[in-house]
mmCIF file of all heavy atoms, coordinates in Angstrom:
data_MODEL
# 
_entry.id   MODEL 
# 
loop_
_atom_site.group_PDB 
_atom_site.id 
_atom_site.type_symbol 
_atom_site.label_atom_id 
_atom_site.label_alt_id 
_atom_site.label_comp_id 
_atom_site.label_asym_id 
_atom_site.label_entity_id 
_atom_site.label_seq_id 
_atom_site.pdbx_PDB_ins_code 
_atom_site.Cartn_x 
_atom_site.Cartn_y 
_atom_site.Cartn_z 
_atom_site.occupancy 
_atom_site.B_iso_or_equiv 
_atom_site.pdbx_formal_charge 
_atom_site.auth_seq_id 
_atom_site.auth_comp_id 
_atom_site.auth_asym_id 
_atom_site.auth_atom_id 
_atom_site.pdbx_PDB_model_num 
ATOM 1   N N   . MET A 1 1  ? 0.833  -1.257  0.011   1.00 0.00 ? 1  MET A N   1 
ATOM 2   C CA  . MET A 1 1  ? -0.025 0.018   -0.029  1.00 0.00 ? 1  MET A CA  1 
ATOM 3   C C   . MET A 1 1  ? 0.878  1.219   0.017   1.00 0.00 ? 1  MET A C   1 
ATOM 4   O O   . MET A 1 1  ? 0.311  2.379   -0.356  1.00 0.00 ? 1  MET A O   1 
ATOM 5   C CB  . MET A 1 1  ? -1.010 -0.041  1.107   1.00 0.00 ? 1  MET A CB  1 
ATOM 6   C CG  . MET A 1 1  ? -1.959 -1.050  1.152   1.00 0.00 ? 1  MET A CG  1 
ATOM 7   S SD  . MET A 1 1  ? -3.349 -1.047  2.287   1.00 0.00 ? 1  MET A SD  1 
ATOM 8   C CE  . MET A 1 1  ? -4.462 0.304   1.542   1.00 0.00 ? 1  MET A CE  1 
ATOM 9   N N   . ILE A 1 2  ? 2.159  1.108   0.324   1.00 0.00 ? 2  ILE A N   1 
ATOM 10  C CA  . ILE A 1 2  ? 3.005  2.423   0.312   1.00 0.00 ? 2  ILE A CA  1 
ATOM 11  C C   . ILE A 1 2  ? 4.197  2.207   -0.673  1.00 0.00 ? 2  ILE A C   1 
ATOM 12  O O   . ILE A 1 2  ? 4.892  3.056   -0.847  1.00 0.00 ? 2  ILE A O   1 
ATOM 13  C CB  . ILE A 1 2  ? 3.552  2.676   1.741   1.00 0.00 ? 2  ILE A CB  1 
ATOM 14  C CG1 . ILE A 1 2  ? 4.374  1.512   2.307   1.00 0.00 ? 2  ILE A CG1 1 
ATOM 15  C CG2 . ILE A 1 2  ? 2.469  3.082   2.668   1.00 0.00 ? 2  ILE A CG2 1 
ATOM 16  C CD1 . ILE A 1 2  ? 5.074  1.889   3.564   1.00 0.00 ? 2  ILE A CD1 1 
ATOM 17  N N   . THR A 1 3  ? 4.370  0.940   -1.213  1.00 0.00 ? 3  THR A N   1 
ATOM 18  C CA  . THR A 1 3  ? 5.457  0.753   -2.227  1.00 0.00 ? 3  THR A CA  1 
ATOM 19  C C   . THR A 1 3  ? 4.866  0.645   -3.566  1.00 0.00 ? 3  THR A C   1 
ATOM 20  O O   . THR A 1 3  ? 4.074  -0.273  -3.890  1.00 0.00 ? 3  THR A O   1 
ATOM 21  C CB  . THR A 1 3  ? 6.187  -0.621  -1.788  1.00 0.00 ? 3  THR A CB  1 
ATOM 22  O OG1 . THR A 1 3  ? 6.729  -0.444  -0.489  1.00 0.00 ? 3  THR A OG1 1 
ATOM 23  C CG2 . THR A 1 3  ? 7.384  -0.804  -2.755  1.00 0.00 ? 3  THR A CG2 1 
ATOM 24  N N   . PRO A 1 4  ? 5.297  1.516   -4.508  1.00 0.00 ? 4  PRO A N   1 
ATOM 25  C CA  . PRO A 1 4  ? 4.792  1.406   -5.961  1.00 0.00 ? 4  PRO A CA  1 
ATOM 26  C C   . PRO A 1 4  ? 5.115  0.091   -6.547  1.00 0.00 ? 4  PRO A C   1 
ATOM 27  O O   . PRO A 1 4  ? 5.964  -0.604  -6.097  1.00 0.00 ? 4  PRO A O   1 
ATOM 28  C CB  . PRO A 1 4  ? 5.478  2.573   -6.536  1.00 0.00 ? 4  PRO A CB  1 
ATOM 29  C CG  . PRO A 1 4  ? 5.850  3.434   -5.551  1.00 0.00 ? 4  PRO A CG  1 
ATOM 30  C CD  . PRO A 1 4  ? 6.256  2.609   -4.303  1.00 0.00 ? 4  PRO A CD  1 
ATOM 31  N N   . ASP A 1 5  ? 4.312  -0.172  -7.644  1.00 0.00 ? 5  ASP A N   1 
ATOM 32  C CA  . ASP A 1 5  ? 4.507  -1.425  -8.453  1.00 0.00 ? 5  ASP A CA  1 
ATOM 33  C C   . ASP A 1 5  ? 6.025  -1.643  -8.823  1.00 0.00 ? 5  ASP A C   1 
ATOM 34  O O   . ASP A 1 5  ? 6.586  -0.704  -9.264  1.00 0.00 ? 5  ASP A O   1 
ATOM 35  C CB  . ASP A 1 5  ? 3.734  -1.294  -9.732  1.00 0.00 ? 5  ASP A CB  1 
ATOM 36  C CG  . ASP A 1 5  ? 2.287  -1.233  -9.531  1.00 0.00 ? 5  ASP A CG  1 
ATOM 37  O OD1 . ASP A 1 5  ? 1.807  -1.414  -8.391  1.00 0.00 ? 5  ASP A OD1 1 
ATOM 38  O OD2 . ASP A 1 5  ? 1.569  -0.871  -10.544 1.00 0.00 ? 5  ASP A OD2 1 
ATOM 39  N N   . SER A 1 6  ? 6.593  -2.866  -8.487  1.00 0.00 ? 6  SER A N   1 
ATOM 40  C CA  . SER A 1 6  ? 7.905  -3.176  -8.681  1.00 0.00 ? 6  SER A CA  1 
ATOM 41  C C   . SER A 1 6  ? 8.111  -4.499  -9.426  1.00 0.00 ? 6  SER A C   1 
ATOM 42  O O   . SER A 1 6  ? 7.272  -5.448  -9.288  1.00 0.00 ? 6  SER A O   1 
ATOM 43  C CB  . SER A 1 6  ? 8.558  -3.301  -7.210  1.00 0.00 ? 6  SER A CB  1 
ATOM 44  O OG  . SER A 1 6  ? 8.406  -2.211  -6.476  1.00 0.00 ? 6  SER A OG  1 
ATOM 45  N N   . VAL A 1 7  ? 9.004  -4.490  -10.295 1.00 0.00 ? 7  VAL A N   1 
ATOM 46  C CA  . VAL A 1 7  ? 9.412  -5.654  -11.072 1.00 0.00 ? 7  VAL A CA  1 
ATOM 47  C C   . VAL A 1 7  ? 10.735 -6.102  -10.702 1.00 0.00 ? 7  VAL A C   1 
ATOM 48  O O   . VAL A 1 7  ? 11.672 -5.512  -10.701 1.00 0.00 ? 7  VAL A O   1 
ATOM 49  C CB  . VAL A 1 7  ? 9.296  -5.311  -12.554 1.00 0.00 ? 7  VAL A CB  1 
ATOM 50  C CG1 . VAL A 1 7  ? 9.690  -6.583  -13.360 1.00 0.00 ? 7  VAL A CG1 1 
ATOM 51  C CG2 . VAL A 1 7  ? 8.001  -4.821  -13.038 1.00 0.00 ? 7  VAL A CG2 1 
ATOM 52  N N   . TYR A 1 8  ? 10.678 -7.449  -10.248 1.00 0.00 ? 8  TYR A N   1 
ATOM 53  C CA  . TYR A 1 8  ? 12.010 -8.053  -9.827  1.00 0.00 ? 8  TYR A CA  1 
ATOM 54  C C   . TYR A 1 8  ? 12.224 -9.265  -10.683 1.00 0.00 ? 8  TYR A C   1 
ATOM 55  O O   . TYR A 1 8  ? 11.345 -9.911  -11.216 1.00 0.00 ? 8  TYR A O   1 
ATOM 56  C CB  . TYR A 1 8  ? 11.800 -8.600  -8.346  1.00 0.00 ? 8  TYR A CB  1 
ATOM 57  C CG  . TYR A 1 8  ? 11.841 -7.517  -7.272  1.00 0.00 ? 8  TYR A CG  1 
ATOM 58  C CD1 . TYR A 1 8  ? 10.583 -6.926  -6.833  1.00 0.00 ? 8  TYR A CD1 1 
ATOM 59  C CD2 . TYR A 1 8  ? 12.975 -7.245  -6.718  1.00 0.00 ? 8  TYR A CD2 1 
ATOM 60  C CE1 . TYR A 1 8  ? 10.684 -6.116  -5.785  1.00 0.00 ? 8  TYR A CE1 1 
ATOM 61  C CE2 . TYR A 1 8  ? 13.038 -6.308  -5.625  1.00 0.00 ? 8  TYR A CE2 1 
ATOM 62  C CZ  . TYR A 1 8  ? 11.878 -5.718  -5.186  1.00 0.00 ? 8  TYR A CZ  1 
ATOM 63  O OH  . TYR A 1 8  ? 11.936 -4.806  -4.204  1.00 0.00 ? 8  TYR A OH  1 
ATOM 64  N N   . ASP A 1 9  ? 13.529 -9.491  -10.695 1.00 0.00 ? 9  ASP A N   1 
ATOM 65  C CA  . ASP A 1 9  ? 14.041 -10.893 -11.223 1.00 0.00 ? 9  ASP A CA  1 
ATOM 66  C C   . ASP A 1 9  ? 14.527 -11.648 -9.905  1.00 0.00 ? 9  ASP A C   1 
ATOM 67  O O   . ASP A 1 9  ? 15.314 -11.020 -9.211  1.00 0.00 ? 9  ASP A O   1 
ATOM 68  C CB  . ASP A 1 9  ? 15.147 -10.806 -12.268 1.00 0.00 ? 9  ASP A CB  1 
ATOM 69  C CG  . ASP A 1 9  ? 14.549 -10.865 -13.724 1.00 0.00 ? 9  ASP A CG  1 
ATOM 70  O OD1 . ASP A 1 9  ? 13.343 -11.128 -13.822 1.00 0.00 ? 9  ASP A OD1 1 
ATOM 71  O OD2 . ASP A 1 9  ? 15.408 -10.684 -14.563 1.00 0.00 ? 9  ASP A OD2 1 
ATOM 72  N N   . TYR A 1 10 ? 14.112 -12.870 -9.852  1.00 0.00 ? 10 TYR A N   1 
ATOM 73  C CA  . TYR A 1 10 ? 14.616 -13.679 -8.717  1.00 0.00 ? 10 TYR A CA  1 
ATOM 74  C C   . TYR A 1 10 ? 15.578 -14.791 -9.354  1.00 0.00 ? 10 TYR A C   1 
ATOM 75  O O   . TYR A 1 10 ? 15.088 -15.612 -10.120 1.00 0.00 ? 10 TYR A O   1 
ATOM 76  C CB  . TYR A 1 10 ? 13.438 -14.306 -7.967  1.00 0.00 ? 10 TYR A CB  1 
ATOM 77  C CG  . TYR A 1 10 ? 13.838 -15.258 -6.864  1.00 0.00 ? 10 TYR A CG  1 
ATOM 78  C CD1 . TYR A 1 10 ? 14.332 -14.741 -5.585  1.00 0.00 ? 10 TYR A CD1 1 
ATOM 79  C CD2 . TYR A 1 10 ? 13.915 -16.676 -6.995  1.00 0.00 ? 10 TYR A CD2 1 
ATOM 80  C CE1 . TYR A 1 10 ? 14.681 -15.528 -4.531  1.00 0.00 ? 10 TYR A CE1 1 
ATOM 81  C CE2 . TYR A 1 10 ? 14.203 -17.513 -5.926  1.00 0.00 ? 10 TYR A CE2 1 
ATOM 82  C CZ  . TYR A 1 10 ? 14.661 -16.959 -4.635  1.00 0.00 ? 10 TYR A CZ  1 
ATOM 83  O OH  . TYR A 1 10 ? 14.977 -17.728 -3.654  1.00 0.00 ? 10 TYR A OH  1 
ATOM 84  N N   . ASP A 1 11 ? 16.856 -14.782 -8.869  1.00 0.00 ? 11 ASP A N   1 
ATOM 85  C CA  . ASP A 1 11 ? 17.810 -15.860 -9.268  1.00 0.00 ? 11 ASP A CA  1 
ATOM 86  C C   . ASP A 1 11 ? 17.532 -17.025 -8.471  1.00 0.00 ? 11 ASP A C   1 
ATOM 87  O O   . ASP A 1 11 ? 17.778 -17.083 -7.162  1.00 0.00 ? 11 ASP A O   1 
ATOM 88  C CB  . ASP A 1 11 ? 19.203 -15.276 -9.113  1.00 0.00 ? 11 ASP A CB  1 
ATOM 89  C CG  . ASP A 1 11 ? 20.170 -16.199 -9.587  1.00 0.00 ? 11 ASP A CG  1 
ATOM 90  O OD1 . ASP A 1 11 ? 20.588 -17.141 -8.871  1.00 0.00 ? 11 ASP A OD1 1 
ATOM 91  O OD2 . ASP A 1 11 ? 20.620 -16.146 -10.727 1.00 0.00 ? 11 ASP A OD2 1 
ATOM 92  N N   . VAL A 1 12 ? 17.097 -18.006 -9.064  1.00 0.00 ? 12 VAL A N   1 
ATOM 93  C CA  . VAL A 1 12 ? 16.760 -19.301 -8.377  1.00 0.00 ? 12 VAL A CA  1 
ATOM 94  C C   . VAL A 1 12 ? 17.889 -19.995 -7.596  1.00 0.00 ? 12 VAL A C   1 
ATOM 95  O O   . VAL A 1 12 ? 17.856 -20.312 -6.499  1.00 0.00 ? 12 VAL A O   1 
ATOM 96  C CB  . VAL A 1 12 ? 16.028 -20.278 -9.310  1.00 0.00 ? 12 VAL A CB  1 
ATOM 97  C CG1 . VAL A 1 12 ? 15.645 -21.599 -8.592  1.00 0.00 ? 12 VAL A CG1 1 
ATOM 98  C CG2 . VAL A 1 12 ? 14.721 -19.730 -9.917  1.00 0.00 ? 12 VAL A CG2 1 
ATOM 99  N N   . ALA A 1 13 ? 18.981 -20.000 -8.446  1.00 0.00 ? 13 ALA A N   1 
ATOM 100 C CA  . ALA A 1 13 ? 20.284 -20.749 -7.809  1.00 0.00 ? 13 ALA A CA  1 
ATOM 101 C C   . ALA A 1 13 ? 20.769 -19.783 -6.735  1.00 0.00 ? 13 ALA A C   1 
ATOM 102 O O   . ALA A 1 13 ? 21.093 -20.419 -5.632  1.00 0.00 ? 13 ALA A O   1 
ATOM 103 C CB  . ALA A 1 13 ? 21.298 -20.919 -8.894  1.00 0.00 ? 13 ALA A CB  1 
ATOM 104 N N   . GLY A 1 14 ? 20.806 -18.455 -6.815  1.00 0.00 ? 14 GLY A N   1 
ATOM 105 C CA  . GLY A 1 14 ? 21.449 -17.674 -5.777  1.00 0.00 ? 14 GLY A CA  1 
ATOM 106 C C   . GLY A 1 14 ? 20.459 -17.243 -4.780  1.00 0.00 ? 14 GLY A C   1 
ATOM 107 O O   . GLY A 1 14 ? 20.763 -16.547 -3.752  1.00 0.00 ? 14 GLY A O   1 
ATOM 108 N N   . ALA A 1 15 ? 19.100 -17.536 -4.896  1.00 0.00 ? 15 ALA A N   1 
ATOM 109 C CA  . ALA A 1 15 ? 18.124 -17.080 -3.886  1.00 0.00 ? 15 ALA A CA  1 
ATOM 110 C C   . ALA A 1 15 ? 18.168 -15.580 -3.609  1.00 0.00 ? 15 ALA A C   1 
ATOM 111 O O   . ALA A 1 15 ? 18.110 -15.123 -2.543  1.00 0.00 ? 15 ALA A O   1 
ATOM 112 C CB  . ALA A 1 15 ? 18.157 -17.939 -2.676  1.00 0.00 ? 15 ALA A CB  1 
ATOM 113 N N   . ALA A 1 16 ? 18.318 -14.774 -4.753  1.00 0.00 ? 16 ALA A N   1 
ATOM 114 C CA  . ALA A 1 16 ? 18.478 -13.363 -4.656  1.00 0.00 ? 16 ALA A CA  1 
ATOM 115 C C   . ALA A 1 16 ? 17.570 -12.656 -5.562  1.00 0.00 ? 16 ALA A C   1 
ATOM 116 O O   . ALA A 1 16 ? 17.262 -12.991 -6.641  1.00 0.00 ? 16 ALA A O   1 
ATOM 117 C CB  . ALA A 1 16 ? 19.907 -13.032 -5.080  1.00 0.00 ? 16 ALA A CB  1 
ATOM 118 N N   . LEU A 1 17 ? 16.924 -11.516 -4.928  1.00 0.00 ? 17 LEU A N   1 
ATOM 119 C CA  . LEU A 1 17 ? 16.099 -10.649 -5.746  1.00 0.00 ? 17 LEU A CA  1 
ATOM 120 C C   . LEU A 1 17 ? 16.818 -9.495  -6.313  1.00 0.00 ? 17 LEU A C   1 
ATOM 121 O O   . LEU A 1 17 ? 17.708 -8.926  -5.628  1.00 0.00 ? 17 LEU A O   1 
ATOM 122 C CB  . LEU A 1 17 ? 14.947 -10.079 -4.722  1.00 0.00 ? 17 LEU A CB  1 
ATOM 123 C CG  . LEU A 1 17 ? 13.765 -10.972 -4.454  1.00 0.00 ? 17 LEU A CG  1 
ATOM 124 C CD1 . LEU A 1 17 ? 12.927 -10.354 -3.333  1.00 0.00 ? 17 LEU A CD1 1 
ATOM 125 C CD2 . LEU A 1 17 ? 12.976 -11.244 -5.732  1.00 0.00 ? 17 LEU A CD2 1 
ATOM 126 N N   . GLU A 1 18 ? 16.551 -9.116  -7.598  1.00 0.00 ? 18 GLU A N   1 
ATOM 127 C CA  . GLU A 1 18 ? 17.045 -8.014  -8.234  1.00 0.00 ? 18 GLU A CA  1 
ATOM 128 C C   . GLU A 1 18 ? 15.941 -7.074  -8.702  1.00 0.00 ? 18 GLU A C   1 
ATOM 129 O O   . GLU A 1 18 ? 15.102 -7.505  -9.522  1.00 0.00 ? 18 GLU A O   1 
ATOM 130 C CB  . GLU A 1 18 ? 17.937 -8.438  -9.380  1.00 0.00 ? 18 GLU A CB  1 
ATOM 131 C CG  . GLU A 1 18 ? 18.498 -7.289  -10.266 1.00 0.00 ? 18 GLU A CG  1 
ATOM 132 C CD  . GLU A 1 18 ? 19.170 -7.759  -11.462 1.00 0.00 ? 18 GLU A CD  1 
ATOM 133 O OE1 . GLU A 1 18 ? 19.153 -8.926  -11.800 1.00 0.00 ? 18 GLU A OE1 1 
ATOM 134 O OE2 . GLU A 1 18 ? 19.640 -6.883  -12.206 1.00 0.00 ? 18 GLU A OE2 1 
ATOM 135 N N   . LEU A 1 19 ? 16.016 -5.805  -8.156  1.00 0.00 ? 19 LEU A N   1 
ATOM 136 C CA  . LEU A 1 19 ? 14.867 -4.873  -8.636  1.00 0.00 ? 19 LEU A CA  1 
ATOM 137 C C   . LEU A 1 19 ? 15.206 -4.344  -10.022 1.00 0.00 ? 19 LEU A C   1 
ATOM 138 O O   . LEU A 1 19 ? 16.331 -3.822  -10.247 1.00 0.00 ? 19 LEU A O   1 
ATOM 139 C CB  . LEU A 1 19 ? 14.823 -3.696  -7.588  1.00 0.00 ? 19 LEU A CB  1 
ATOM 140 C CG  . LEU A 1 19 ? 13.815 -2.689  -8.042  1.00 0.00 ? 19 LEU A CG  1 
ATOM 141 C CD1 . LEU A 1 19 ? 12.372 -3.155  -7.957  1.00 0.00 ? 19 LEU A CD1 1 
ATOM 142 C CD2 . LEU A 1 19 ? 13.917 -1.464  -7.020  1.00 0.00 ? 19 LEU A CD2 1 
ATOM 143 N N   . LEU A 1 20 ? 14.389 -4.640  -10.991 1.00 0.00 ? 20 LEU A N   1 
ATOM 144 C CA  . LEU A 1 20 ? 14.632 -4.214  -12.331 1.00 0.00 ? 20 LEU A CA  1 
ATOM 145 C C   . LEU A 1 20 ? 13.854 -2.857  -12.568 1.00 0.00 ? 20 LEU A C   1 
ATOM 146 O O   . LEU A 1 20 ? 14.396 -2.058  -13.391 1.00 0.00 ? 20 LEU A O   1 
ATOM 147 C CB  . LEU A 1 20 ? 14.000 -5.247  -13.405 1.00 0.00 ? 20 LEU A CB  1 
ATOM 148 C CG  . LEU A 1 20 ? 14.507 -6.687  -13.185 1.00 0.00 ? 20 LEU A CG  1 
ATOM 149 C CD1 . LEU A 1 20 ? 13.833 -7.522  -14.296 1.00 0.00 ? 20 LEU A CD1 1 
ATOM 150 C CD2 . LEU A 1 20 ? 16.063 -6.641  -13.442 1.00 0.00 ? 20 LEU A CD2 1 
ATOM 151 N N   . LYS A 1 21 ? 12.741 -2.599  -11.946 1.00 0.00 ? 21 LYS A N   1 
ATOM 152 C CA  . LYS A 1 21 ? 12.016 -1.310  -12.313 1.00 0.00 ? 21 LYS A CA  1 
ATOM 153 C C   . LYS A 1 21 ? 11.014 -1.164  -11.231 1.00 0.00 ? 21 LYS A C   1 
ATOM 154 O O   . LYS A 1 21 ? 10.410 -2.116  -10.646 1.00 0.00 ? 21 LYS A O   1 
ATOM 155 C CB  . LYS A 1 21 ? 11.288 -1.465  -13.591 1.00 0.00 ? 21 LYS A CB  1 
ATOM 156 C CG  . LYS A 1 21 ? 10.495 -0.345  -13.992 1.00 0.00 ? 21 LYS A CG  1 
ATOM 157 C CD  . LYS A 1 21 ? 9.715  -0.600  -15.404 1.00 0.00 ? 21 LYS A CD  1 
ATOM 158 C CE  . LYS A 1 21 ? 8.753  0.648   -15.665 1.00 0.00 ? 21 LYS A CE  1 
ATOM 159 N NZ  . LYS A 1 21 ? 9.388  1.814   -16.105 1.00 0.00 ? 21 LYS A NZ  1 
ATOM 160 N N   . GLN A 1 22 ? 10.807 0.096   -10.799 1.00 0.00 ? 22 GLN A N   1 
ATOM 161 C CA  . GLN A 1 22 ? 9.846  0.478   -9.805  1.00 0.00 ? 22 GLN A CA  1 
ATOM 162 C C   . GLN A 1 22 ? 8.985  1.652   -10.428 1.00 0.00 ? 22 GLN A C   1 
ATOM 163 O O   . GLN A 1 22 ? 9.597  2.558   -11.168 1.00 0.00 ? 22 GLN A O   1 
ATOM 164 C CB  . GLN A 1 22 ? 10.365 0.905   -8.481  1.00 0.00 ? 22 GLN A CB  1 
ATOM 165 C CG  . GLN A 1 22 ? 9.302  1.107   -7.445  1.00 0.00 ? 22 GLN A CG  1 
ATOM 166 C CD  . GLN A 1 22 ? 9.874  1.179   -5.929  1.00 0.00 ? 22 GLN A CD  1 
ATOM 167 O OE1 . GLN A 1 22 ? 10.277 2.276   -5.572  1.00 0.00 ? 22 GLN A OE1 1 
ATOM 168 N NE2 . GLN A 1 22 ? 9.945  0.115   -5.275  1.00 0.00 ? 22 GLN A NE2 1 
ATOM 169 N N   . GLN A 1 23 ? 7.760  1.633   -10.383 1.00 0.00 ? 23 GLN A N   1 
ATOM 170 C CA  . GLN A 1 23 ? 6.883  2.587   -10.830 1.00 0.00 ? 23 GLN A CA  1 
ATOM 171 C C   . GLN A 1 23 ? 7.423  4.044   -10.441 1.00 0.00 ? 23 GLN A C   1 
ATOM 172 O O   . GLN A 1 23 ? 7.532  4.343   -9.250  1.00 0.00 ? 23 GLN A O   1 
ATOM 173 C CB  . GLN A 1 23 ? 5.475  2.448   -10.368 1.00 0.00 ? 23 GLN A CB  1 
ATOM 174 C CG  . GLN A 1 23 ? 4.473  3.480   -10.800 1.00 0.00 ? 23 GLN A CG  1 
ATOM 175 C CD  . GLN A 1 23 ? 3.047  3.257   -10.163 1.00 0.00 ? 23 GLN A CD  1 
ATOM 176 O OE1 . GLN A 1 23 ? 2.925  2.306   -9.570  1.00 0.00 ? 23 GLN A OE1 1 
ATOM 177 N NE2 . GLN A 1 23 ? 2.152  4.065   -10.539 1.00 0.00 ? 23 GLN A NE2 1 
ATOM 178 N N   . GLU A 1 24 ? 7.616  4.907   -11.478 1.00 0.00 ? 24 GLU A N   1 
ATOM 179 C CA  . GLU A 1 24 ? 8.023  6.215   -11.155 1.00 0.00 ? 24 GLU A CA  1 
ATOM 180 C C   . GLU A 1 24 ? 6.858  7.162   -11.042 1.00 0.00 ? 24 GLU A C   1 
ATOM 181 O O   . GLU A 1 24 ? 5.750  7.004   -11.677 1.00 0.00 ? 24 GLU A O   1 
ATOM 182 C CB  . GLU A 1 24 ? 8.819  6.693   -12.385 1.00 0.00 ? 24 GLU A CB  1 
ATOM 183 C CG  . GLU A 1 24 ? 10.191 6.030   -12.676 1.00 0.00 ? 24 GLU A CG  1 
ATOM 184 C CD  . GLU A 1 24 ? 10.930 6.592   -13.849 1.00 0.00 ? 24 GLU A CD  1 
ATOM 185 O OE1 . GLU A 1 24 ? 11.068 7.934   -13.897 1.00 0.00 ? 24 GLU A OE1 1 
ATOM 186 O OE2 . GLU A 1 24 ? 11.366 5.813   -14.682 1.00 0.00 ? 24 GLU A OE2 1 
ATOM 187 N N   . ILE A 1 25 ? 6.956  8.122   -10.177 1.00 0.00 ? 25 ILE A N   1 
ATOM 188 C CA  . ILE A 1 25 ? 5.857  9.021   -9.855  1.00 0.00 ? 25 ILE A CA  1 
ATOM 189 C C   . ILE A 1 25 ? 6.508  10.418  -10.127 1.00 0.00 ? 25 ILE A C   1 
ATOM 190 O O   . ILE A 1 25 ? 7.124  11.039  -9.193  1.00 0.00 ? 25 ILE A O   1 
ATOM 191 C CB  . ILE A 1 25 ? 5.241  8.872   -8.452  1.00 0.00 ? 25 ILE A CB  1 
ATOM 192 C CG1 . ILE A 1 25 ? 4.777  7.352   -8.176  1.00 0.00 ? 25 ILE A CG1 1 
ATOM 193 C CG2 . ILE A 1 25 ? 4.128  9.854   -8.139  1.00 0.00 ? 25 ILE A CG2 1 
ATOM 194 C CD1 . ILE A 1 25 ? 4.401  7.051   -6.826  1.00 0.00 ? 25 ILE A CD1 1 
ATOM 195 N N   . PRO A 1 26 ? 6.251  10.951  -11.364 1.00 0.00 ? 26 PRO A N   1 
ATOM 196 C CA  . PRO A 1 26 ? 6.929  12.130  -11.730 1.00 0.00 ? 26 PRO A CA  1 
ATOM 197 C C   . PRO A 1 26 ? 6.762  13.326  -10.796 1.00 0.00 ? 26 PRO A C   1 
ATOM 198 O O   . PRO A 1 26 ? 7.628  14.099  -10.495 1.00 0.00 ? 26 PRO A O   1 
ATOM 199 C CB  . PRO A 1 26 ? 6.479  12.382  -13.128 1.00 0.00 ? 26 PRO A CB  1 
ATOM 200 C CG  . PRO A 1 26 ? 6.072  11.061  -13.566 1.00 0.00 ? 26 PRO A CG  1 
ATOM 201 C CD  . PRO A 1 26 ? 5.566  10.354  -12.409 1.00 0.00 ? 26 PRO A CD  1 
ATOM 202 N N   . SER A 1 27 ? 5.456  13.541  -10.215 1.00 0.00 ? 27 SER A N   1 
ATOM 203 C CA  . SER A 1 27 ? 5.229  14.649  -9.435  1.00 0.00 ? 27 SER A CA  1 
ATOM 204 C C   . SER A 1 27 ? 5.795  14.462  -7.997  1.00 0.00 ? 27 SER A C   1 
ATOM 205 O O   . SER A 1 27 ? 5.766  15.476  -7.246  1.00 0.00 ? 27 SER A O   1 
ATOM 206 C CB  . SER A 1 27 ? 3.723  14.863  -9.257  1.00 0.00 ? 27 SER A CB  1 
ATOM 207 O OG  . SER A 1 27 ? 3.082  13.678  -8.746  1.00 0.00 ? 27 SER A OG  1 
# 
């Protein structure tokens, strides 16, 4: 509810999340 839409890749072997993009709010 306070974190904008986020797109992650999850590396299965390394069990690590990588943030690829988070919704930008220009204003």
